[in-house]
Amino acid sequence: MNWQAIRAIYVFEMSRFFRTLMQSFVSPVISTSLYFVVFGAAIGSRIDEVDGVSYGAFIVPGLIMLSVMTQAISNASFGIYFPKFIGTIYELLSAPINFLEIVMGYVGAAATKALFIGVVILGTSALFVDLTIQHPLAMLAFMVLTCLSFALFGFIIGIWAGNFEQLQLIPLLVVTPLVFLGGSFYSISMLPPVWQTISFFNPVVYLVSGFRWSFFGLADVPIGLSLLAISGFTVLCLVIIWLIFKTGWRIRQ
């Protein structure tokens, strides 16, 4: 394993993040505050509690998941797309490093950035509501797995994208709606039976449910299914990336 190459890619990607650290820090704080003003004040005034948890606290896991997923995808997709755009991807491919080392560098940096945003949002949320995390290790594990899996997904999007508009296509039209419809700001049990059944076909439901369980011990689906869903998604992304580098699809073609 060429750790020096992994470190070089990782440090290069992280340097972009630190150059805009203020924006990276302020943006999630403002966004989180606005979510609490809109959802916590407007909707929270009508819904006091959900399964014994105050509505303001109940939306925190979903809010973190929404930001972590979008940030992981965005950072990873842009990180690999930009070398393609300017042509330096060929220098990377000709270097004495394999695809796994390339992926570890780019995906590791994207996951680290998303994890940082998640921690910032968690800290900001604590200023608005009283939070008690029943399973802190499970919470951290779910957050890290989500950052890694969606950074891998973003890496695939970055390779697939043919222009900058396509980088935002899937996150805006697919991922964000799935998060909003995945029980991020409500419990699936609050829906009519038909919509509950439909919701279980949304993969994000399993991620949000497992993450919320780590906070409050509440879950719409069994915790084992949540772990299986995030693990299966991670493995699927790794297999797709392996096939991409093996065939050279959208890289050498």
C-alpha atoms as a PDB file:
ATOM      1  CA  MET A   1       0.000   0.000   0.000  1.00  0.00           C
ATOM      2  CA  ASN A   2       1.437   3.359  -1.091  1.00  0.00           C
ATOM      3  CA  TRP A   3       0.586   5.436   1.979  1.00  0.00           C
ATOM      4  CA  GLN A   4       2.608   8.398   0.733  1.00  0.00           C
ATOM      5  CA  ALA A   5       0.437   8.658  -2.381  1.00  0.00           C
ATOM      6  CA  ILE A   6      -2.755   8.365  -0.320  1.00  0.00           C
ATOM      7  CA  ARG A   7      -1.499  11.079   2.024  1.00  0.00           C
ATOM      8  CA  ALA A   8      -0.583  13.373  -0.894  1.00  0.00           C
ATOM      9  CA  ILE A   9      -4.073  13.114  -2.416  1.00  0.00           C
ATOM     10  CA  TYR A  10      -5.733  13.469   0.982  1.00  0.00           C
ATOM     11  CA  VAL A  11      -3.718  16.533   2.006  1.00  0.00           C
ATOM     12  CA  PHE A  12      -4.259  18.187  -1.395  1.00  0.00           C
ATOM     13  CA  GLU A  13      -8.030  17.716  -1.147  1.00  0.00           C
ATOM     14  CA  MET A  14      -8.169  18.865   2.460  1.00  0.00           C
ATOM     15  CA  SER A  15      -6.181  22.004   1.632  1.00  0.00           C
ATOM     16  CA  ARG A  16      -9.108  23.220  -0.500  1.00  0.00           C
ATOM     17  CA  PHE A  17     -11.373  22.747   2.482  1.00  0.00           C
ATOM     18  CA  PHE A  18      -9.139  24.683   4.868  1.00  0.00           C
ATOM     19  CA  ARG A  19      -8.846  27.580   2.399  1.00  0.00           C
ATOM     20  CA  THR A  20     -12.603  28.067   2.738  1.00  0.00           C
ATOM     21  CA  LEU A  21     -12.882  26.944   6.356  1.00  0.00           C
ATOM     22  CA  MET A  22     -14.886  29.999   7.405  1.00  0.00           C
ATOM     23  CA  GLN A  23     -17.542  29.412   4.744  1.00  0.00           C
ATOM     24  CA  SER A  24     -17.510  25.697   5.538  1.00  0.00           C
ATOM     25  CA  PHE A  25     -18.113  26.447   9.203  1.00  0.00           C
ATOM     26  CA  VAL A  26     -20.578  29.349   8.934  1.00  0.00           C
ATOM     27  CA  SER A  27     -22.804  27.844   6.223  1.00  0.00           C
ATOM     28  CA  PRO A  28     -23.971  24.763   8.176  1.00  0.00           C
ATOM     29  CA  VAL A  29     -24.479  26.867  11.321  1.00  0.00           C
ATOM     30  CA  ILE A  30     -26.762  29.287   9.475  1.00  0.00           C
ATOM     31  CA  SER A  31     -28.581  26.487   7.634  1.00  0.00           C
ATOM     32  CA  THR A  32     -29.152  24.556  10.858  1.00  0.00           C
ATOM     33  CA  SER A  33     -30.449  27.664  12.607  1.00  0.00           C
ATOM     34  CA  LEU A  34     -32.892  28.311   9.754  1.00  0.00           C
ATOM     35  CA  TYR A  35     -34.139  24.720   9.874  1.00  0.00           C
ATOM     36  CA  PHE A  36     -34.867  25.086  13.573  1.00  0.00           C
ATOM     37  CA  VAL A  37     -36.636  28.388  12.983  1.00  0.00           C
ATOM     38  CA  VAL A  38     -38.797  26.916  10.198  1.00  0.00           C
ATOM     39  CA  PHE A  39     -39.355  23.344  11.377  1.00  0.00           C
ATOM     40  CA  GLY A  40     -38.870  23.812  15.101  1.00  0.00           C
ATOM     41  CA  ALA A  41     -40.971  26.962  15.460  1.00  0.00           C
ATOM     42  CA  ALA A  42     -43.576  26.573  12.720  1.00  0.00           C
ATOM     43  CA  ILE A  43     -44.162  22.816  12.788  1.00  0.00           C
ATOM     44  CA  GLY A  44     -42.962  22.277  16.337  1.00  0.00           C
ATOM     45  CA  SER A  45     -45.699  24.585  17.588  1.00  0.00           C
ATOM     46  CA  ARG A  46     -48.243  22.112  16.181  1.00  0.00           C
ATOM     47  CA  ILE A  47     -46.373  18.889  17.034  1.00  0.00           C
ATOM     48  CA  ASP A  48     -45.109  18.884  20.609  1.00  0.00           C
ATOM     49  CA  GLU A  49     -43.637  15.389  20.698  1.00  0.00           C
ATOM     50  CA  VAL A  50     -42.998  12.382  18.488  1.00  0.00           C
ATOM     51  CA  ASP A  51     -42.852   9.090  20.396  1.00  0.00           C
ATOM     52  CA  GLY A  52     -42.085  10.954  23.595  1.00  0.00           C
ATOM     53  CA  VAL A  53     -39.283  13.079  22.076  1.00  0.00           C
ATOM     54  CA  SER A  54     -39.687  16.832  21.556  1.00  0.00           C
ATOM     55  CA  TYR A  55     -40.076  17.665  17.882  1.00  0.00           C
ATOM     56  CA  GLY A  56     -37.075  19.996  17.903  1.00  0.00           C
ATOM     57  CA  ALA A  57     -34.814  17.180  19.117  1.00  0.00           C
ATOM     58  CA  PHE A  58     -36.518  14.597  16.910  1.00  0.00           C
ATOM     59  CA  ILE A  59     -35.466  16.359  13.672  1.00  0.00           C
ATOM     60  CA  VAL A  60     -31.780  16.615  14.644  1.00  0.00           C
ATOM     61  CA  PRO A  61     -30.698  13.167  13.310  1.00  0.00           C
ATOM     62  CA  GLY A  62     -32.520  13.770  10.019  1.00  0.00           C
ATOM     63  CA  LEU A  63     -30.983  17.224   9.710  1.00  0.00           C
ATOM     64  CA  ILE A  64     -27.495  15.805  10.252  1.00  0.00           C
ATOM     65  CA  MET A  65     -28.107  12.996   7.754  1.00  0.00           C
ATOM     66  CA  LEU A  66     -29.342  15.448   5.112  1.00  0.00           C
ATOM     67  CA  SER A  67     -26.214  17.599   5.390  1.00  0.00           C
ATOM     68  CA  VAL A  68     -23.757  14.721   5.737  1.00  0.00           C
ATOM     69  CA  MET A  69     -25.082  12.904   2.651  1.00  0.00           C
ATOM     70  CA  THR A  70     -25.129  15.977   0.421  1.00  0.00           C
ATOM     71  CA  GLN A  71     -21.725  17.203   1.604  1.00  0.00           C
ATOM     72  CA  ALA A  72     -20.077  13.792   1.150  1.00  0.00           C
ATOM     73  CA  ILE A  73     -21.469  13.474  -2.380  1.00  0.00           C
ATOM     74  CA  SER A  74     -20.589  17.040  -3.333  1.00  0.00           C
ATOM     75  CA  ASN A  75     -17.000  16.947  -2.065  1.00  0.00           C
ATOM     76  CA  ALA A  76     -16.181  13.531  -3.533  1.00  0.00           C
ATOM     77  CA  SER A  77     -17.798  14.193  -6.933  1.00  0.00           C
ATOM     78  CA  PHE A  78     -16.054  17.548  -7.386  1.00  0.00           C
ATOM     79  CA  GLY A  79     -12.760  16.148  -6.098  1.00  0.00           C
ATOM     80  CA  ILE A  80     -12.488  13.519  -8.850  1.00  0.00           C
ATOM     81  CA  TYR A  81     -14.307  15.469 -11.575  1.00  0.00           C
ATOM     82  CA  PHE A  82     -11.962  18.460 -11.484  1.00  0.00           C
ATOM     83  CA  PRO A  83      -8.849  16.410 -12.436  1.00  0.00           C
ATOM     84  CA  LYS A  84     -10.907  14.976 -15.309  1.00  0.00           C
ATOM     85  CA  PHE A  85     -11.942  18.474 -16.367  1.00  0.00           C
ATOM     86  CA  ILE A  86      -8.410  19.909 -16.457  1.00  0.00           C
ATOM     87  CA  GLY A  87      -6.777  16.693 -17.707  1.00  0.00           C
ATOM     88  CA  THR A  88      -4.559  15.898 -14.714  1.00  0.00           C
ATOM     89  CA  ILE A  89      -6.412  12.611 -14.192  1.00  0.00           C
ATOM     90  CA  TYR A  90      -4.048  11.006 -16.720  1.00  0.00           C
ATOM     91  CA  GLU A  91      -1.029  11.950 -14.612  1.00  0.00           C
ATOM     92  CA  LEU A  92      -2.719  10.315 -11.660  1.00  0.00           C
ATOM     93  CA  LEU A  93      -3.506   7.154 -13.623  1.00  0.00           C
ATOM     94  CA  SER A  94       0.069   6.904 -14.905  1.00  0.00           C
ATOM     95  CA  ALA A  95       1.539   7.201 -11.413  1.00  0.00           C
ATOM     96  CA  PRO A  96       2.636   4.021  -9.586  1.00  0.00           C
ATOM     97  CA  ILE A  97      -0.552   3.794  -7.505  1.00  0.00           C
ATOM     98  CA  ASN A  98      -3.567   1.526  -7.820  1.00  0.00           C
ATOM     99  CA  PHE A  99      -7.261   2.403  -7.880  1.00  0.00           C
ATOM    100  CA  LEU A 100      -7.740   1.591  -4.197  1.00  0.00           C
ATOM    101  CA  GLU A 101      -5.135   4.145  -3.160  1.00  0.00           C
ATOM    102  CA  ILE A 102      -6.735   6.791  -5.386  1.00  0.00           C
ATOM    103  CA  VAL A 103     -10.148   6.069  -3.915  1.00  0.00           C
ATOM    104  CA  MET A 104      -8.829   6.110  -0.345  1.00  0.00           C
ATOM    105  CA  GLY A 105      -7.271   9.549  -0.872  1.00  0.00           C
ATOM    106  CA  TYR A 106     -10.275  11.246  -2.492  1.00  0.00           C
ATOM    107  CA  VAL A 107     -13.014   9.458  -0.562  1.00  0.00           C
ATOM    108  CA  GLY A 108     -11.174   9.790   2.744  1.00  0.00           C
ATOM    109  CA  ALA A 109     -10.897  13.557   2.307  1.00  0.00           C
ATOM    110  CA  ALA A 110     -14.555  13.912   1.253  1.00  0.00           C
ATOM    111  CA  ALA A 111     -15.721  11.780   4.197  1.00  0.00           C
ATOM    112  CA  THR A 112     -13.601  13.829   6.621  1.00  0.00           C
ATOM    113  CA  LYS A 113     -15.154  17.072   5.363  1.00  0.00           C
ATOM    114  CA  ALA A 114     -18.677  15.651   5.659  1.00  0.00           C
ATOM    115  CA  LEU A 115     -17.921  14.355   9.166  1.00  0.00           C
ATOM    116  CA  PHE A 116     -16.730  17.814  10.183  1.00  0.00           C
ATOM    117  CA  ILE A 117     -19.982  19.344   8.915  1.00  0.00           C
ATOM    118  CA  GLY A 118     -21.974  16.705  10.796  1.00  0.00           C
ATOM    119  CA  VAL A 119     -20.175  17.511  14.061  1.00  0.00           C
ATOM    120  CA  VAL A 120     -20.735  21.251  13.513  1.00  0.00           C
ATOM    121  CA  ILE A 121     -24.466  20.700  12.951  1.00  0.00           C
ATOM    122  CA  LEU A 122     -24.663  18.472  16.035  1.00  0.00           C
ATOM    123  CA  GLY A 123     -23.004  21.182  18.123  1.00  0.00           C
ATOM    124  CA  THR A 124     -25.271  23.876  16.674  1.00  0.00           C
ATOM    125  CA  SER A 125     -28.363  21.766  17.358  1.00  0.00           C
ATOM    126  CA  ALA A 126     -27.365  21.455  21.012  1.00  0.00           C
ATOM    127  CA  LEU A 127     -27.762  25.236  21.298  1.00  0.00           C
ATOM    128  CA  PHE A 128     -31.448  24.985  20.344  1.00  0.00           C
ATOM    129  CA  VAL A 129     -32.631  21.768  21.989  1.00  0.00           C
ATOM    130  CA  ASP A 130     -31.647  19.417  24.796  1.00  0.00           C
ATOM    131  CA  LEU A 131     -29.987  16.390  23.253  1.00  0.00           C
ATOM    132  CA  THR A 132     -29.278  13.090  24.935  1.00  0.00           C
ATOM    133  CA  ILE A 133     -27.397  10.532  22.865  1.00  0.00           C
ATOM    134  CA  GLN A 134     -28.215   7.086  24.250  1.00  0.00           C
ATOM    135  CA  HIS A 135     -25.727   5.202  22.070  1.00  0.00           C
ATOM    136  CA  PRO A 136     -22.806   7.576  21.265  1.00  0.00           C
ATOM    137  CA  LEU A 137     -20.593   4.881  19.727  1.00  0.00           C
ATOM    138  CA  ALA A 138     -23.421   3.724  17.453  1.00  0.00           C
ATOM    139  CA  MET A 139     -24.104   7.356  16.520  1.00  0.00           C
ATOM    140  CA  LEU A 140     -20.462   7.883  15.565  1.00  0.00           C
ATOM    141  CA  ALA A 141     -20.366   4.589  13.651  1.00  0.00           C
ATOM    142  CA  PHE A 142     -23.491   5.451  11.654  1.00  0.00           C
ATOM    143  CA  MET A 143     -22.165   8.914  10.851  1.00  0.00           C
ATOM    144  CA  VAL A 144     -18.760   7.617   9.717  1.00  0.00           C
ATOM    145  CA  LEU A 145     -20.335   4.841   7.610  1.00  0.00           C
ATOM    146  CA  THR A 146     -22.730   7.322   6.004  1.00  0.00           C
ATOM    147  CA  CYS A 147     -19.883   9.730   5.229  1.00  0.00           C
ATOM    148  CA  LEU A 148     -17.809   6.951   3.649  1.00  0.00           C
ATOM    149  CA  SER A 149     -20.637   5.318   1.670  1.00  0.00           C
ATOM    150  CA  PHE A 150     -21.984   8.555   0.210  1.00  0.00           C
ATOM    151  CA  ALA A 151     -18.464   9.804  -0.516  1.00  0.00           C
ATOM    152  CA  LEU A 152     -18.005   6.608  -2.556  1.00  0.00           C
ATOM    153  CA  PHE A 153     -21.325   7.338  -4.267  1.00  0.00           C
ATOM    154  CA  GLY A 154     -20.165  10.886  -4.975  1.00  0.00           C
ATOM    155  CA  PHE A 155     -16.917   9.527  -6.422  1.00  0.00           C
ATOM    156  CA  ILE A 156     -18.978   7.472  -8.883  1.00  0.00           C
ATOM    157  CA  ILE A 157     -21.038  10.551  -9.804  1.00  0.00           C
ATOM    158  CA  GLY A 158     -17.853  12.561 -10.380  1.00  0.00           C
ATOM    159  CA  ILE A 159     -16.552   9.949 -12.809  1.00  0.00           C
ATOM    160  CA  TRP A 160     -19.918   9.683 -14.572  1.00  0.00           C
ATOM    161  CA  ALA A 161     -20.543  13.428 -14.888  1.00  0.00           C
ATOM    162  CA  GLY A 162     -19.758  15.004 -18.236  1.00  0.00           C
ATOM    163  CA  ASN A 163     -20.133  18.610 -17.042  1.00  0.00           C
ATOM    164  CA  PHE A 164     -20.570  20.658 -13.888  1.00  0.00           C
ATOM    165  CA  GLU A 165     -24.373  20.621 -14.199  1.00  0.00           C
ATOM    166  CA  GLN A 166     -24.447  16.829 -14.017  1.00  0.00           C
ATOM    167  CA  LEU A 167     -22.505  16.944 -10.740  1.00  0.00           C
ATOM    168  CA  GLN A 168     -25.590  18.449  -9.109  1.00  0.00           C
ATOM    169  CA  LEU A 169     -28.185  16.442 -11.038  1.00  0.00           C
ATOM    170  CA  ILE A 170     -28.387  13.324  -8.864  1.00  0.00           C
ATOM    171  CA  PRO A 171     -27.894  15.070  -5.486  1.00  0.00           C
ATOM    172  CA  LEU A 172     -30.652  17.600  -6.232  1.00  0.00           C
ATOM    173  CA  LEU A 173     -33.148  15.424  -8.091  1.00  0.00           C
ATOM    174  CA  VAL A 174     -32.618  12.075  -6.362  1.00  0.00           C
ATOM    175  CA  VAL A 175     -30.768  12.204  -3.027  1.00  0.00           C
ATOM    176  CA  THR A 176     -32.345  15.318  -1.481  1.00  0.00           C
ATOM    177  CA  PRO A 177     -35.968  14.242  -2.225  1.00  0.00           C
ATOM    178  CA  LEU A 178     -35.235  10.753  -0.860  1.00  0.00           C
ATOM    179  CA  VAL A 179     -33.906  12.290   2.354  1.00  0.00           C
ATOM    180  CA  PHE A 180     -36.949  14.525   2.797  1.00  0.00           C
ATOM    181  CA  LEU A 181     -39.251  11.583   2.083  1.00  0.00           C
ATOM    182  CA  GLY A 182     -37.193   9.201   4.221  1.00  0.00           C
ATOM    183  CA  GLY A 183     -38.514  10.152   7.641  1.00  0.00           C
ATOM    184  CA  SER A 184     -35.914  12.835   8.306  1.00  0.00           C
ATOM    185  CA  PHE A 185     -38.426  15.253   9.804  1.00  0.00           C
ATOM    186  CA  TYR A 186     -41.204  12.871  10.774  1.00  0.00           C
ATOM    187  CA  SER A 187     -41.791   9.281  11.869  1.00  0.00           C
ATOM    188  CA  ILE A 188     -42.889   6.761   9.261  1.00  0.00           C
ATOM    189  CA  SER A 189     -45.517   5.595  11.747  1.00  0.00           C
ATOM    190  CA  MET A 190     -47.283   8.952  11.320  1.00  0.00           C
ATOM    191  CA  LEU A 191     -48.087   8.133   7.671  1.00  0.00           C
ATOM    192  CA  PRO A 192     -51.151   6.247   6.381  1.00  0.00           C
ATOM    193  CA  PRO A 193     -50.524   2.476   5.976  1.00  0.00           C
ATOM    194  CA  VAL A 194     -50.147   2.709   2.175  1.00  0.00           C
ATOM    195  CA  TRP A 195     -47.489   5.417   2.403  1.00  0.00           C
ATOM    196  CA  GLN A 196     -45.711   3.530   5.164  1.00  0.00           C
ATOM    197  CA  THR A 197     -45.328   0.566   2.818  1.00  0.00           C
ATOM    198  CA  ILE A 198     -44.077   2.806   0.009  1.00  0.00           C
ATOM    199  CA  SER A 199     -41.600   4.520   2.342  1.00  0.00           C
ATOM    200  CA  PHE A 200     -39.913   1.218   3.158  1.00  0.00           C
ATOM    201  CA  PHE A 201     -38.695   1.099  -0.462  1.00  0.00           C
ATOM    202  CA  ASN A 202     -36.749   4.292   0.193  1.00  0.00           C
ATOM    203  CA  PRO A 203     -33.195   3.272   1.228  1.00  0.00           C
ATOM    204  CA  VAL A 204     -32.679   6.511   3.140  1.00  0.00           C
ATOM    205  CA  VAL A 205     -35.378   5.438   5.621  1.00  0.00           C
ATOM    206  CA  TYR A 206     -33.056   2.741   6.957  1.00  0.00           C
ATOM    207  CA  LEU A 207     -30.142   5.153   7.403  1.00  0.00           C
ATOM    208  CA  VAL A 208     -32.165   7.855   9.150  1.00  0.00           C
ATOM    209  CA  SER A 209     -33.949   5.284  11.316  1.00  0.00           C
ATOM    210  CA  GLY A 210     -30.709   3.709  12.506  1.00  0.00           C
ATOM    211  CA  PHE A 211     -29.122   7.086  13.167  1.00  0.00           C
ATOM    212  CA  ARG A 212     -32.173   8.272  15.128  1.00  0.00           C
ATOM    213  CA  TRP A 213     -32.073   5.056  17.165  1.00  0.00           C
ATOM    214  CA  SER A 214     -28.562   5.931  18.311  1.00  0.00           C
ATOM    215  CA  PHE A 215     -29.930   9.191  19.752  1.00  0.00           C
ATOM    216  CA  PHE A 216     -33.272   8.241  21.276  1.00  0.00           C
ATOM    217  CA  GLY A 217     -33.569   4.456  21.088  1.00  0.00           C
ATOM    218  CA  LEU A 218     -36.426   4.909  18.589  1.00  0.00           C
ATOM    219  CA  ALA A 219     -36.457   3.349  15.130  1.00  0.00           C
ATOM    220  CA  ASP A 220     -38.945   2.877  12.291  1.00  0.00           C
ATOM    221  CA  VAL A 221     -37.111  -0.266  11.157  1.00  0.00           C
ATOM    222  CA  PRO A 222     -34.968  -2.806  13.065  1.00  0.00           C
ATOM    223  CA  ILE A 223     -31.435  -1.604  13.739  1.00  0.00           C
ATOM    224  CA  GLY A 224     -30.038  -4.724  12.059  1.00  0.00           C
ATOM    225  CA  LEU A 225     -31.702  -3.781   8.785  1.00  0.00           C
ATOM    226  CA  SER A 226     -30.241  -0.300   9.032  1.00  0.00           C
ATOM    227  CA  LEU A 227     -26.720  -1.688   9.447  1.00  0.00           C
ATOM    228  CA  LEU A 228     -27.292  -4.148   6.606  1.00  0.00           C
ATOM    229  CA  ALA A 229     -28.541  -1.348   4.331  1.00  0.00           C
ATOM    230  CA  ILE A 230     -25.570   0.975   4.898  1.00  0.00           C
ATOM    231  CA  SER A 231     -23.067  -1.895   4.661  1.00  0.00           C
ATOM    232  CA  GLY A 232     -24.651  -3.231   1.469  1.00  0.00           C
ATOM    233  CA  PHE A 233     -24.642   0.228  -0.110  1.00  0.00           C
ATOM    234  CA  THR A 234     -20.957   0.680   0.746  1.00  0.00           C
ATOM    235  CA  VAL A 235     -20.009  -2.675  -0.784  1.00  0.00           C
ATOM    236  CA  LEU A 236     -22.072  -1.947  -3.905  1.00  0.00           C
ATOM    237  CA  CYS A 237     -20.291   1.384  -4.422  1.00  0.00           C
ATOM    238  CA  LEU A 238     -16.883  -0.272  -3.998  1.00  0.00           C
ATOM    239  CA  VAL A 239     -17.750  -2.926  -6.590  1.00  0.00           C
ATOM    240  CA  ILE A 240     -18.923  -0.270  -9.072  1.00  0.00           C
ATOM    241  CA  ILE A 241     -15.727   1.761  -8.580  1.00  0.00           C
ATOM    242  CA  TRP A 242     -13.624  -1.373  -9.085  1.00  0.00           C
ATOM    243  CA  LEU A 243     -15.440  -2.074 -12.355  1.00  0.00           C
ATOM    244  CA  ILE A 244     -14.953   1.538 -13.466  1.00  0.00           C
ATOM    245  CA  PHE A 245     -11.184   1.391 -13.001  1.00  0.00           C
ATOM    246  CA  LYS A 246     -10.978  -2.092 -14.476  1.00  0.00           C
ATOM    247  CA  THR A 247     -12.791  -1.095 -17.675  1.00  0.00           C
ATOM    248  CA  GLY A 248     -11.629   2.534 -17.814  1.00  0.00           C
ATOM    249  CA  TRP A 249     -15.213   3.724 -18.255  1.00  0.00           C
ATOM    250  CA  ARG A 250     -15.398   7.519 -18.364  1.00  0.00           C
ATOM    251  CA  ILE A 251     -11.727   7.701 -17.365  1.00  0.00           C
ATOM    252  CA  ARG A 252      -9.674   6.465 -20.302  1.00  0.00           C
ATOM    253  CA  GLN A 253     -12.467   6.698 -22.854  1.00  0.00           C
END
